[in-house]
Amino acid sequence: MSNEIKRKSESLPTQKDIANQIHKIDKEVIDNLNKEIIKEENIIKHKPHVCSEPSYERDYSYLCPDDWVKNSSDQCWGMDYDGHCESLKYFQDYTDDEKKEFELNCCVSWPKLKKTAHKQKREDTLRGSINPNNGLIVKPNK
């Protein structure tokens, strides 16, 4: 019986074997987690836009998106905004491209670009002498 116990005990893993097995499993888990993190980061970097783009041209010279208000600290606040982005935001340093990116990712729209009427050229040019006291053009007497 003692020989049998000795044989069985010799077939059991040593503490070193157990530690090596644990380290191997840990390494596999860490490698898998790192792969998941890299995959997630790539998805975030290249995430598809979740909102459809409006059919009209927008005017990004406005500080805030449509239906958002500027508060006293110059933040834009979407009081009724119910999207997945923050509803209180500073847009002062945003470029037009960054505003468009926010628009597409957060389902907001900037105001519609107004068609500006072309200013008519002034046919009559101001003519006359210059008043030496104030630098203004003096209308000639007709």
C-alpha atoms as a PDB file:
ATOM      1  CA  MET A   1       0.000   0.000   0.000  1.00  0.00           C
ATOM      2  CA  SER A   2       2.808   2.406   0.757  1.00  0.00           C
ATOM      3  CA  ASN A   3       4.237   1.818  -2.718  1.00  0.00           C
ATOM      4  CA  GLU A   4       0.884   2.688  -4.207  1.00  0.00           C
ATOM      5  CA  ILE A   5       0.673   5.915  -2.182  1.00  0.00           C
ATOM      6  CA  LYS A   6       4.233   6.787  -3.166  1.00  0.00           C
ATOM      7  CA  ARG A   7       3.463   6.182  -6.856  1.00  0.00           C
ATOM      8  CA  LYS A   8       0.285   8.287  -6.684  1.00  0.00           C
ATOM      9  CA  SER A   9       2.042  11.146  -4.877  1.00  0.00           C
ATOM     10  CA  GLU A  10       4.803  11.173  -7.479  1.00  0.00           C
ATOM     11  CA  SER A  11       2.212  11.538 -10.240  1.00  0.00           C
ATOM     12  CA  LEU A  12       0.752  14.664  -8.595  1.00  0.00           C
ATOM     13  CA  PRO A  13       1.967  18.059  -9.934  1.00  0.00           C
ATOM     14  CA  THR A  14       4.592  19.907  -7.931  1.00  0.00           C
ATOM     15  CA  GLN A  15       4.115  23.413  -6.588  1.00  0.00           C
ATOM     16  CA  LYS A  16       6.300  24.662  -9.432  1.00  0.00           C
ATOM     17  CA  ASP A  17       4.087  22.858 -11.989  1.00  0.00           C
ATOM     18  CA  ILE A  18       0.979  24.417 -10.455  1.00  0.00           C
ATOM     19  CA  ALA A  19       2.555  27.911 -10.443  1.00  0.00           C
ATOM     20  CA  ASN A  20       3.617  27.518 -14.093  1.00  0.00           C
ATOM     21  CA  GLN A  21       0.109  26.417 -15.065  1.00  0.00           C
ATOM     22  CA  ILE A  22      -1.415  29.424 -13.263  1.00  0.00           C
ATOM     23  CA  HIS A  23       1.023  31.804 -15.011  1.00  0.00           C
ATOM     24  CA  LYS A  24       0.175  30.232 -18.372  1.00  0.00           C
ATOM     25  CA  ILE A  25      -3.568  30.697 -17.775  1.00  0.00           C
ATOM     26  CA  ASP A  26      -3.002  34.283 -16.551  1.00  0.00           C
ATOM     27  CA  LYS A  27      -0.967  35.098 -19.665  1.00  0.00           C
ATOM     28  CA  GLU A  28      -3.730  33.738 -21.919  1.00  0.00           C
ATOM     29  CA  VAL A  29      -6.376  35.776 -20.083  1.00  0.00           C
ATOM     30  CA  ILE A  30      -4.259  38.957 -20.225  1.00  0.00           C
ATOM     31  CA  ASP A  31      -3.528  38.431 -23.935  1.00  0.00           C
ATOM     32  CA  ASN A  32      -7.254  37.991 -24.630  1.00  0.00           C
ATOM     33  CA  LEU A  33      -8.096  41.122 -22.622  1.00  0.00           C
ATOM     34  CA  ASN A  34      -5.464  43.119 -24.525  1.00  0.00           C
ATOM     35  CA  LYS A  35      -6.929  41.920 -27.837  1.00  0.00           C
ATOM     36  CA  GLU A  36     -10.408  42.978 -26.671  1.00  0.00           C
ATOM     37  CA  ILE A  37      -9.113  46.405 -25.623  1.00  0.00           C
ATOM     38  CA  ILE A  38      -7.402  46.950 -28.984  1.00  0.00           C
ATOM     39  CA  LYS A  39     -10.540  45.817 -30.805  1.00  0.00           C
ATOM     40  CA  GLU A  40     -12.690  48.193 -28.723  1.00  0.00           C
ATOM     41  CA  GLU A  41     -10.306  51.112 -29.297  1.00  0.00           C
ATOM     42  CA  ASN A  42     -10.408  50.496 -33.048  1.00  0.00           C
ATOM     43  CA  ILE A  43     -14.203  50.430 -33.006  1.00  0.00           C
ATOM     44  CA  ILE A  44     -14.281  53.716 -31.092  1.00  0.00           C
ATOM     45  CA  LYS A  45     -11.808  55.328 -33.510  1.00  0.00           C
ATOM     46  CA  HIS A  46     -13.750  54.158 -36.540  1.00  0.00           C
ATOM     47  CA  LYS A  47     -17.246  54.073 -35.139  1.00  0.00           C
ATOM     48  CA  PRO A  48     -19.960  54.534 -37.701  1.00  0.00           C
ATOM     49  CA  HIS A  49     -22.065  57.638 -37.478  1.00  0.00           C
ATOM     50  CA  VAL A  50     -25.266  56.786 -35.696  1.00  0.00           C
ATOM     51  CA  CYS A  51     -27.304  59.714 -36.970  1.00  0.00           C
ATOM     52  CA  SER A  52     -28.488  60.559 -40.425  1.00  0.00           C
ATOM     53  CA  GLU A  53     -27.256  63.771 -41.967  1.00  0.00           C
ATOM     54  CA  PRO A  54     -29.879  66.447 -42.672  1.00  0.00           C
ATOM     55  CA  SER A  55     -30.613  67.081 -46.338  1.00  0.00           C
ATOM     56  CA  TYR A  56     -29.914  70.802 -46.071  1.00  0.00           C
ATOM     57  CA  GLU A  57     -26.657  72.725 -45.689  1.00  0.00           C
ATOM     58  CA  ARG A  58     -25.933  73.796 -42.134  1.00  0.00           C
ATOM     59  CA  ASP A  59     -24.397  77.003 -40.849  1.00  0.00           C
ATOM     60  CA  TYR A  60     -21.618  76.097 -38.441  1.00  0.00           C
ATOM     61  CA  SER A  61     -20.886  79.750 -37.703  1.00  0.00           C
ATOM     62  CA  TYR A  62     -23.587  79.467 -35.027  1.00  0.00           C
ATOM     63  CA  LEU A  63     -22.180  78.559 -31.631  1.00  0.00           C
ATOM     64  CA  CYS A  64     -24.928  76.105 -30.686  1.00  0.00           C
ATOM     65  CA  PRO A  65     -26.949  73.439 -32.485  1.00  0.00           C
ATOM     66  CA  ASP A  66     -30.608  74.064 -33.337  1.00  0.00           C
ATOM     67  CA  ASP A  67     -32.886  74.114 -30.282  1.00  0.00           C
ATOM     68  CA  TRP A  68     -29.923  74.519 -27.928  1.00  0.00           C
ATOM     69  CA  VAL A  69     -29.453  77.730 -25.972  1.00  0.00           C
ATOM     70  CA  LYS A  70     -26.327  79.556 -24.889  1.00  0.00           C
ATOM     71  CA  ASN A  71     -26.258  80.025 -21.126  1.00  0.00           C
ATOM     72  CA  SER A  72     -24.521  82.743 -19.117  1.00  0.00           C
ATOM     73  CA  SER A  73     -21.219  80.836 -19.048  1.00  0.00           C
ATOM     74  CA  ASP A  74     -21.213  80.550 -22.870  1.00  0.00           C
ATOM     75  CA  GLN A  75     -22.076  76.869 -22.795  1.00  0.00           C
ATOM     76  CA  CYS A  76     -24.619  75.425 -25.181  1.00  0.00           C
ATOM     77  CA  TRP A  77     -27.411  73.633 -23.414  1.00  0.00           C
ATOM     78  CA  GLY A  78     -29.791  71.219 -25.072  1.00  0.00           C
ATOM     79  CA  MET A  79     -32.618  71.574 -22.575  1.00  0.00           C
ATOM     80  CA  ASP A  80     -34.834  69.053 -24.358  1.00  0.00           C
ATOM     81  CA  TYR A  81     -31.972  67.009 -25.838  1.00  0.00           C
ATOM     82  CA  ASP A  82     -32.525  63.315 -25.209  1.00  0.00           C
ATOM     83  CA  GLY A  83     -29.551  61.810 -27.043  1.00  0.00           C
ATOM     84  CA  HIS A  84     -26.595  59.827 -25.812  1.00  0.00           C
ATOM     85  CA  CYS A  85     -24.128  62.765 -25.693  1.00  0.00           C
ATOM     86  CA  GLU A  86     -23.721  65.472 -23.080  1.00  0.00           C
ATOM     87  CA  SER A  87     -26.429  68.114 -23.203  1.00  0.00           C
ATOM     88  CA  LEU A  88     -24.190  70.858 -21.797  1.00  0.00           C
ATOM     89  CA  LYS A  89     -21.219  71.617 -24.005  1.00  0.00           C
ATOM     90  CA  TYR A  90     -18.614  74.257 -24.881  1.00  0.00           C
ATOM     91  CA  PHE A  91     -18.348  74.676 -28.672  1.00  0.00           C
ATOM     92  CA  GLN A  92     -16.193  77.840 -28.742  1.00  0.00           C
ATOM     93  CA  ASP A  93     -13.049  76.054 -29.917  1.00  0.00           C
ATOM     94  CA  TYR A  94     -14.794  73.577 -32.223  1.00  0.00           C
ATOM     95  CA  THR A  95     -13.979  73.761 -35.917  1.00  0.00           C
ATOM     96  CA  ASP A  96     -16.725  73.299 -38.493  1.00  0.00           C
ATOM     97  CA  ASP A  97     -15.542  69.712 -38.984  1.00  0.00           C
ATOM     98  CA  GLU A  98     -15.684  69.018 -35.244  1.00  0.00           C
ATOM     99  CA  LYS A  99     -19.197  70.472 -35.055  1.00  0.00           C
ATOM    100  CA  LYS A 100     -20.239  68.247 -37.966  1.00  0.00           C
ATOM    101  CA  GLU A 101     -18.709  65.216 -36.221  1.00  0.00           C
ATOM    102  CA  PHE A 102     -20.633  66.063 -33.033  1.00  0.00           C
ATOM    103  CA  GLU A 103     -23.760  66.551 -35.128  1.00  0.00           C
ATOM    104  CA  LEU A 104     -23.452  63.119 -36.750  1.00  0.00           C
ATOM    105  CA  ASN A 105     -22.492  61.266 -33.574  1.00  0.00           C
ATOM    106  CA  CYS A 106     -24.996  62.939 -31.256  1.00  0.00           C
ATOM    107  CA  CYS A 107     -28.060  63.417 -33.491  1.00  0.00           C
ATOM    108  CA  VAL A 108     -28.228  67.200 -33.359  1.00  0.00           C
ATOM    109  CA  SER A 109     -28.281  69.700 -36.217  1.00  0.00           C
ATOM    110  CA  TRP A 110     -26.843  73.151 -36.641  1.00  0.00           C
ATOM    111  CA  PRO A 111     -29.154  75.810 -38.085  1.00  0.00           C
ATOM    112  CA  LYS A 112     -29.940  75.743 -41.765  1.00  0.00           C
ATOM    113  CA  LEU A 113     -27.642  77.843 -43.914  1.00  0.00           C
ATOM    114  CA  LYS A 114     -29.566  80.887 -45.090  1.00  0.00           C
ATOM    115  CA  LYS A 115     -29.175  81.812 -48.720  1.00  0.00           C
ATOM    116  CA  THR A 116     -27.749  85.301 -48.687  1.00  0.00           C
ATOM    117  CA  ALA A 117     -29.083  87.686 -51.266  1.00  0.00           C
ATOM    118  CA  HIS A 118     -26.325  89.128 -53.375  1.00  0.00           C
ATOM    119  CA  LYS A 119     -25.830  92.750 -52.566  1.00  0.00           C
ATOM    120  CA  GLN A 120     -26.520  94.959 -55.516  1.00  0.00           C
ATOM    121  CA  LYS A 121     -23.535  96.879 -56.732  1.00  0.00           C
ATOM    122  CA  ARG A 122     -23.736 100.527 -56.044  1.00  0.00           C
ATOM    123  CA  GLU A 123     -23.951 102.204 -59.396  1.00  0.00           C
ATOM    124  CA  ASP A 124     -23.206 105.689 -58.234  1.00  0.00           C
ATOM    125  CA  THR A 125     -19.761 106.250 -56.792  1.00  0.00           C
ATOM    126  CA  LEU A 126     -19.385 108.915 -54.182  1.00  0.00           C
ATOM    127  CA  ARG A 127     -17.634 111.883 -55.698  1.00  0.00           C
ATOM    128  CA  GLY A 128     -16.673 115.207 -54.303  1.00  0.00           C
ATOM    129  CA  SER A 129     -14.007 117.008 -52.401  1.00  0.00           C
ATOM    130  CA  ILE A 130     -12.809 115.871 -48.992  1.00  0.00           C
ATOM    131  CA  ASN A 131     -13.501 118.021 -45.972  1.00  0.00           C
ATOM    132  CA  PRO A 132     -10.074 118.655 -44.357  1.00  0.00           C
ATOM    133  CA  ASN A 133     -11.606 118.928 -40.874  1.00  0.00           C
ATOM    134  CA  ASN A 134     -13.300 115.542 -40.687  1.00  0.00           C
ATOM    135  CA  GLY A 135     -12.148 113.614 -43.797  1.00  0.00           C
ATOM    136  CA  LEU A 136     -15.681 113.119 -45.120  1.00  0.00           C
ATOM    137  CA  ILE A 137     -16.648 113.531 -48.772  1.00  0.00           C
ATOM    138  CA  VAL A 138     -18.529 116.739 -49.458  1.00  0.00           C
ATOM    139  CA  LYS A 139     -21.435 116.329 -51.868  1.00  0.00           C
ATOM    140  CA  PRO A 140     -21.029 118.468 -54.928  1.00  0.00           C
ATOM    141  CA  ASN A 141     -23.752 121.063 -55.526  1.00  0.00           C
ATOM    142  CA  LYS A 142     -25.896 120.256 -58.532  1.00  0.00           C
END
